[in-house]
């Protein structure tokens, strides 16, 4: 017998995790180290070319579809994916391409727009709470409650529309919101919701190119808004808000993934790899049946097979008499 015969062979989970790690770890922020958004490259490719990237994207799609089915079958975990980013960062297309092949019956996508009058009459987490995924499902937030620490912070006048008592709106309002979000996400995590947060980090130059593309292609013009140009003038303020937000809400339970977004194909590699790896870590298994259920299933199987044999014999008898 070989002296290595008792050594454990690497499981598929371990092999996949090791392979995907290089597309996850460099972009993960969990609060354990200082974080500087300005030091994060937006044009990173992970040493891949486009063809190699698409091969990884396709493998991730297949594995994600398998893991989603297990997630639904077990019915214990919920998965919440949060996508944030400036205009034209690629949030919509990332959702479209990463989740090709996933059963749409098990996925809920919510795009948060300007709060309605009803939503403004509740706390800032209320409308997101209503749309949280139930156990066994994937929920995708295209923008989220984080807008309350981003857009609302850059455009301070929006805070007045939320009808919060004026004496509660102090200079500490953003710190308090960060505290609320950390507590909220800790609560969700403790109750079986896996939270994965992505900031699609695009350069100002790449955004310029994409906005021009929208203007020049008739099929994309509907995506363009003059507000996109106005927000470009506030680029520095937006990035400062993201810097503070990630620094204060990145935790080990719900880390941020700062995704290089200048190359859409690499952004999809990072997002897909992160989701697949996190689902693998849950070690999801199909529910096991007890002995009584297996015996009952065997009876049903035998009855169905007997029924099929009877139908076949009847069909043959009809043919002989014809």
Protein backbone atom coordinates (compact mmCIF):
# COMPACT_ATOMS: atom_id res chain seq x y z
CA UNK A 1 0.00 0.00 0.00
CA UNK A 2 1.33 3.43 -0.90
CA UNK A 3 2.38 5.59 2.03
CA UNK A 4 0.24 8.37 0.56
CA UNK A 5 -2.92 6.28 0.27
CA UNK A 6 -4.42 7.77 3.42
CA UNK A 7 -3.87 11.35 2.34
CA UNK A 8 -7.09 13.21 1.59
CA UNK A 9 -7.58 14.01 -2.06
CA UNK A 10 -8.57 17.61 -2.76
CA UNK A 11 -12.36 17.93 -2.95
CA UNK A 12 -13.99 19.63 -5.92
CA UNK A 13 -14.94 22.44 -3.55
CA UNK A 14 -11.32 22.97 -2.48
CA UNK A 15 -10.00 22.89 -6.04
CA UNK A 16 -12.59 25.38 -7.28
CA UNK A 17 -12.08 27.68 -4.31
CA UNK A 18 -8.33 27.78 -4.93
CA UNK A 19 -8.85 28.48 -8.64
CA UNK A 20 -11.27 31.34 -8.06
CA UNK A 21 -9.40 32.93 -5.16
CA UNK A 22 -7.17 35.04 -7.44
CA UNK A 23 -10.28 36.75 -8.82
CA UNK A 24 -11.78 37.42 -5.40
CA UNK A 25 -9.24 38.16 -2.68
CA UNK A 26 -7.45 41.16 -4.30
CA UNK A 27 -10.77 42.99 -4.53
CA UNK A 28 -12.27 42.10 -1.16
CA UNK A 29 -12.57 44.63 1.68
CA UNK A 30 -13.74 43.25 5.03
CA UNK A 31 -12.58 45.93 7.46
CA UNK A 32 -9.52 43.97 8.58
CA UNK A 33 -7.15 46.35 6.77
CA UNK A 34 -7.17 50.02 5.88
CA UNK A 35 -8.92 50.77 2.61
CA UNK A 36 -8.19 53.42 -0.01
CA UNK A 37 -10.46 53.57 -3.02
CA UNK A 38 -7.94 55.64 -4.98
CA UNK A 39 -5.45 52.77 -4.82
CA UNK A 40 -7.87 50.36 -6.50
CA UNK A 41 -7.27 49.93 -10.23
CA UNK A 42 -10.32 50.21 -12.43
CA UNK A 43 -8.65 48.56 -15.46
CA UNK A 44 -7.41 45.37 -13.78
CA UNK A 45 -7.72 42.17 -15.85
CA UNK A 46 -6.23 39.59 -13.51
CA UNK A 47 -3.77 38.52 -16.19
CA UNK A 48 -6.64 37.33 -18.42
CA UNK A 49 -7.51 38.10 -21.98
CA UNK A 50 -11.11 38.32 -23.12
CA UNK A 51 -11.28 34.74 -24.39
CA UNK A 52 -9.93 33.24 -21.17
CA UNK A 53 -12.30 35.42 -19.18
CA UNK A 54 -15.34 34.17 -21.09
CA UNK A 55 -14.34 30.57 -20.39
CA UNK A 56 -14.34 31.33 -16.66
CA UNK A 57 -17.64 33.19 -16.95
CA UNK A 58 -19.24 30.19 -18.65
CA UNK A 59 -17.93 27.73 -16.04
CA UNK A 60 -19.22 29.98 -13.29
CA UNK A 61 -22.66 30.12 -14.94
CA UNK A 62 -22.91 26.34 -15.01
CA UNK A 63 -21.81 26.00 -11.40
CA UNK A 64 -24.06 28.85 -10.26
CA UNK A 65 -27.10 27.16 -11.82
CA UNK A 66 -26.24 23.95 -9.95
CA UNK A 67 -25.75 25.75 -6.64
CA UNK A 68 -28.95 27.76 -7.04
CA UNK A 69 -30.92 24.53 -7.39
CA UNK A 70 -29.39 23.22 -4.17
CA UNK A 71 -30.09 26.54 -2.45
CA UNK A 72 -33.76 26.27 -3.42
CA UNK A 73 -33.98 22.58 -2.48
CA UNK A 74 -32.54 23.04 1.01
CA UNK A 75 -34.64 26.13 1.74
CA UNK A 76 -32.50 27.30 4.69
CA UNK A 77 -30.29 30.05 3.32
CA UNK A 78 -31.21 33.24 1.51
CA UNK A 79 -28.66 35.10 -0.63
CA UNK A 80 -28.67 38.87 -1.03
CA UNK A 81 -26.48 40.42 -3.72
CA UNK A 82 -26.01 44.19 -3.64
CA UNK A 83 -24.66 46.01 -6.69
CA UNK A 84 -23.60 49.64 -6.39
CA UNK A 85 -21.80 51.84 -8.86
CA UNK A 86 -21.81 55.16 -10.65
CA UNK A 87 -23.80 55.63 -13.86
CA UNK A 88 -22.71 53.35 -16.74
CA UNK A 89 -20.60 51.18 -14.42
CA UNK A 90 -22.27 48.05 -15.84
CA UNK A 91 -24.64 46.92 -13.09
CA UNK A 92 -27.49 45.97 -15.43
CA UNK A 93 -25.30 44.07 -17.87
CA UNK A 94 -23.51 42.27 -15.03
CA UNK A 95 -26.83 40.98 -13.73
CA UNK A 96 -27.84 39.93 -17.23
CA UNK A 97 -24.63 38.07 -18.11
CA UNK A 98 -23.65 36.52 -14.78
CA UNK A 99 -27.07 34.95 -14.27
CA UNK A 100 -27.62 33.46 -17.73
CA UNK A 101 -28.77 29.87 -17.17
CA UNK A 102 -30.05 30.47 -13.65
CA UNK A 103 -33.70 29.53 -13.08
CA UNK A 104 -35.57 32.88 -13.01
CA UNK A 105 -38.15 31.37 -10.67
CA UNK A 106 -35.56 31.41 -7.90
CA UNK A 107 -34.24 34.95 -8.42
CA UNK A 108 -35.72 38.32 -7.50
CA UNK A 109 -34.19 41.50 -8.95
CA UNK A 110 -35.08 44.88 -7.44
CA UNK A 111 -33.93 48.16 -8.94
CA UNK A 112 -34.30 50.92 -6.38
CA UNK A 113 -35.28 54.27 -7.83
CA UNK A 114 -36.24 57.60 -6.21
CA UNK A 115 -38.23 56.81 -3.05
CA UNK A 116 -42.00 57.04 -3.38
CA UNK A 117 -44.13 59.16 -1.05
CA UNK A 118 -45.03 56.03 0.91
CA UNK A 119 -41.37 55.03 1.23
CA UNK A 120 -40.43 58.52 2.43
CA UNK A 121 -42.89 58.09 5.29
CA UNK A 122 -40.85 55.17 6.63
CA UNK A 123 -37.27 54.70 7.81
CA UNK A 124 -34.58 54.38 5.14
CA UNK A 125 -34.29 50.59 5.48
CA UNK A 126 -38.02 49.91 5.22
CA UNK A 127 -38.40 49.54 1.47
CA UNK A 128 -35.37 47.25 1.22
CA UNK A 129 -36.70 45.04 4.02
CA UNK A 130 -39.89 44.45 2.05
CA UNK A 131 -37.84 43.08 -0.85
CA UNK A 132 -35.40 40.84 0.99
CA UNK A 133 -35.12 37.34 -0.50
CA UNK A 134 -36.85 34.53 1.30
CA UNK A 135 -35.02 31.34 2.25
CA UNK A 136 -34.01 29.32 -0.77
CA UNK A 137 -33.88 32.32 -3.11
CA UNK A 138 -31.38 34.75 -4.58
CA UNK A 139 -32.21 38.42 -4.24
CA UNK A 140 -30.39 41.05 -6.30
CA UNK A 141 -30.49 44.72 -5.33
CA UNK A 142 -29.55 47.00 -8.24
CA UNK A 143 -28.66 49.93 -6.00
CA UNK A 144 -29.88 49.59 -2.43
CA UNK A 145 -30.24 51.19 0.98
CA UNK A 146 -26.64 52.31 0.51
CA UNK A 147 -27.94 55.13 -1.68
CA UNK A 148 -28.96 56.73 1.62
CA UNK A 149 -25.26 57.19 2.39
CA UNK A 150 -24.26 58.04 -1.16
CA UNK A 151 -26.68 59.99 -3.35
CA UNK A 152 -28.43 61.49 -0.33
CA UNK A 153 -25.08 62.50 1.13
CA UNK A 154 -23.91 64.14 -2.10
CA UNK A 155 -27.30 65.84 -2.53
CA UNK A 156 -28.01 66.83 1.06
CA UNK A 157 -31.35 68.45 0.12
CA UNK A 158 -32.79 64.95 -0.41
CA UNK A 159 -32.49 64.29 3.31
CA UNK A 160 -35.16 66.91 4.04
CA UNK A 161 -37.66 64.97 1.91
CA UNK A 162 -37.38 61.96 4.23
CA UNK A 163 -39.42 63.76 6.90
CA UNK A 164 -37.04 62.88 9.72
CA UNK A 165 -37.53 65.13 12.78
CA UNK A 166 -35.07 67.99 12.36
CA UNK A 167 -33.54 67.54 15.82
CA UNK A 168 -32.45 64.02 14.80
CA UNK A 169 -30.59 65.18 11.70
CA UNK A 170 -27.22 66.13 13.14
CA UNK A 171 -23.66 66.17 11.82
CA UNK A 172 -23.48 62.54 12.96
CA UNK A 173 -26.26 61.36 10.63
CA UNK A 174 -23.93 59.45 8.28
CA UNK A 175 -22.03 57.76 11.10
CA UNK A 176 -25.37 56.76 12.61
CA UNK A 177 -26.55 55.34 9.28
CA UNK A 178 -23.37 53.31 8.99
CA UNK A 179 -24.06 51.93 12.48
CA UNK A 180 -27.64 51.10 11.51
CA UNK A 181 -26.53 49.29 8.35
CA UNK A 182 -23.86 47.26 10.15
CA UNK A 183 -26.41 46.19 12.75
CA UNK A 184 -29.00 45.44 10.06
CA UNK A 185 -26.60 43.27 8.06
CA UNK A 186 -25.40 41.49 11.19
CA UNK A 187 -29.03 40.67 12.01
CA UNK A 188 -29.65 39.33 8.50
CA UNK A 189 -26.46 37.27 8.56
CA UNK A 190 -27.30 35.77 11.94
CA UNK A 191 -30.65 34.68 10.58
CA UNK A 192 -29.42 32.92 7.47
CA UNK A 193 -29.00 35.58 4.78
CA UNK A 194 -25.68 35.51 2.97
CA UNK A 195 -24.81 39.08 1.92
CA UNK A 196 -22.45 39.80 -0.97
CA UNK A 197 -21.80 43.45 -1.82
CA UNK A 198 -20.21 44.71 -5.03
CA UNK A 199 -19.04 48.19 -5.94
CA UNK A 200 -18.40 48.40 -9.69
CA UNK A 201 -15.41 50.71 -9.79
CA UNK A 202 -15.28 52.52 -13.14
CA UNK A 203 -12.90 55.29 -14.22
CA UNK A 204 -14.20 58.67 -15.27
CA UNK A 205 -12.68 58.20 -18.74
CA UNK A 206 -14.38 54.84 -19.28
CA UNK A 207 -17.69 56.32 -18.12
CA UNK A 208 -17.22 59.09 -20.69
CA UNK A 209 -16.77 56.51 -23.45
CA UNK A 210 -19.86 54.57 -22.40
CA UNK A 211 -22.02 57.67 -22.23
CA UNK A 212 -20.84 58.62 -25.72
CA UNK A 213 -21.69 55.11 -26.87
CA UNK A 214 -25.21 55.54 -25.55
CA UNK A 215 -25.61 58.78 -27.48
CA UNK A 216 -24.25 57.37 -30.72
CA UNK A 217 -26.16 54.08 -30.83
CA UNK A 218 -29.94 54.42 -31.38
CA UNK A 219 -30.60 51.23 -29.46
CA UNK A 220 -28.89 52.61 -26.37
CA UNK A 221 -30.10 56.20 -26.35
CA UNK A 222 -32.99 55.36 -24.04
CA UNK A 223 -30.41 54.69 -21.30
CA UNK A 224 -28.99 58.21 -21.48
CA UNK A 225 -30.03 60.90 -19.06
CA UNK A 226 -28.86 64.49 -18.82
CA UNK A 227 -28.61 63.84 -15.12
CA UNK A 228 -25.66 61.54 -15.87
CA UNK A 229 -23.72 64.59 -17.08
CA UNK A 230 -24.66 66.62 -14.03
CA UNK A 231 -23.47 63.83 -11.73
CA UNK A 232 -20.11 63.68 -13.54
CA UNK A 233 -19.45 67.19 -12.28
CA UNK A 234 -19.71 65.76 -8.76
CA UNK A 235 -17.37 62.84 -9.41
CA UNK A 236 -15.03 63.65 -6.55
CA UNK A 237 -17.87 63.94 -4.04
CA UNK A 238 -19.33 60.62 -5.15
CA UNK A 239 -16.01 58.82 -4.77
CA UNK A 240 -15.46 60.40 -1.35
CA UNK A 241 -18.88 59.11 -0.28
CA UNK A 242 -18.03 55.61 -1.53
CA UNK A 243 -14.68 55.72 0.27
CA UNK A 244 -16.34 56.54 3.58
CA UNK A 245 -19.17 54.06 3.03
CA UNK A 246 -16.92 51.09 2.22
CA UNK A 247 -14.55 51.93 5.08
CA UNK A 248 -17.43 51.99 7.58
CA UNK A 249 -19.59 49.09 6.35
CA UNK A 250 -17.08 46.46 5.20
CA UNK A 251 -17.16 43.61 7.70
CA UNK A 252 -16.18 39.95 7.69
CA UNK A 253 -19.85 38.97 7.73
CA UNK A 254 -20.71 41.24 4.81
CA UNK A 255 -17.58 42.40 2.98
CA UNK A 256 -17.42 44.71 -0.01
CA UNK A 257 -15.94 43.57 -3.31
CA UNK A 258 -14.47 46.52 -5.19
CA UNK A 259 -14.80 45.27 -8.75
CA UNK A 260 -12.58 46.72 -11.51
CA UNK A 261 -15.26 47.73 -14.02
CA UNK A 262 -13.45 49.30 -16.98
CA UNK A 263 -13.51 45.90 -18.68
CA UNK A 264 -17.01 44.47 -18.37
CA UNK A 265 -15.80 40.93 -19.05
CA UNK A 266 -13.40 41.03 -16.11
CA UNK A 267 -16.04 42.55 -13.83
CA UNK A 268 -18.23 39.54 -14.66
CA UNK A 269 -15.37 37.19 -13.81
CA UNK A 270 -14.98 38.79 -10.36
CA UNK A 271 -18.71 38.92 -9.59
CA UNK A 272 -19.45 35.39 -10.81
CA UNK A 273 -16.42 33.90 -9.07
CA UNK A 274 -17.32 35.61 -5.79
CA UNK A 275 -20.89 34.33 -5.86
CA UNK A 276 -19.93 30.77 -6.80
CA UNK A 277 -17.19 30.64 -4.17
CA UNK A 278 -19.51 31.94 -1.44
CA UNK A 279 -22.21 29.41 -2.33
CA UNK A 280 -19.62 26.63 -2.36
CA UNK A 281 -18.61 27.65 1.16
CA UNK A 282 -22.18 26.97 2.34
CA UNK A 283 -21.67 23.28 1.44
CA UNK A 284 -25.24 23.02 0.19
CA UNK A 285 -26.59 19.48 -0.18
CA UNK A 286 -29.88 18.16 -1.46
CA UNK A 287 -32.20 17.18 1.40
CA UNK A 288 -31.76 13.59 2.56
CA UNK A 289 -34.84 11.38 2.73
CA UNK A 290 -35.58 9.24 5.75
CA UNK A 291 -35.99 5.47 5.50
CA UNK A 292 -39.79 5.61 5.54
CA UNK A 293 -39.88 8.08 2.64
CA UNK A 294 -37.45 5.96 0.59
CA UNK A 295 -39.63 2.89 1.13
CA UNK A 296 -42.70 4.83 0.07
CA UNK A 297 -40.92 6.12 -3.02
CA UNK A 298 -39.93 2.57 -3.93
CA UNK A 299 -43.58 1.49 -3.81
CA UNK A 300 -44.59 4.37 -6.05
CA UNK A 301 -41.75 3.61 -8.47
CA UNK A 302 -42.81 -0.04 -8.71
CA UNK A 303 -46.44 0.94 -9.28
CA UNK A 304 -45.50 3.40 -12.06
CA UNK A 305 -43.31 0.81 -13.76
CA UNK A 306 -46.09 -1.79 -13.54
CA UNK A 307 -48.53 0.72 -15.02
CA UNK A 308 -46.13 1.37 -17.89
CA UNK A 309 -45.78 -2.35 -18.58
CA UNK A 310 -49.55 -2.75 -18.65
CA UNK A 311 -49.93 0.10 -21.15
CA UNK A 312 -47.24 -1.43 -23.38
CA UNK A 313 -48.94 -4.84 -23.34
CA UNK A 314 -52.33 -3.32 -24.14
CA UNK A 315 -50.82 -1.43 -27.07
CA UNK A 316 -49.24 -4.61 -28.43
CA UNK A 317 -52.56 -6.49 -28.13
CA UNK A 318 -54.31 -3.76 -30.11
CA UNK A 319 -51.70 -3.99 -32.86
CA UNK A 320 -52.09 -7.79 -33.10
CA UNK A 321 -55.86 -7.62 -33.43
CA UNK A 322 -55.77 -4.81 -36.00
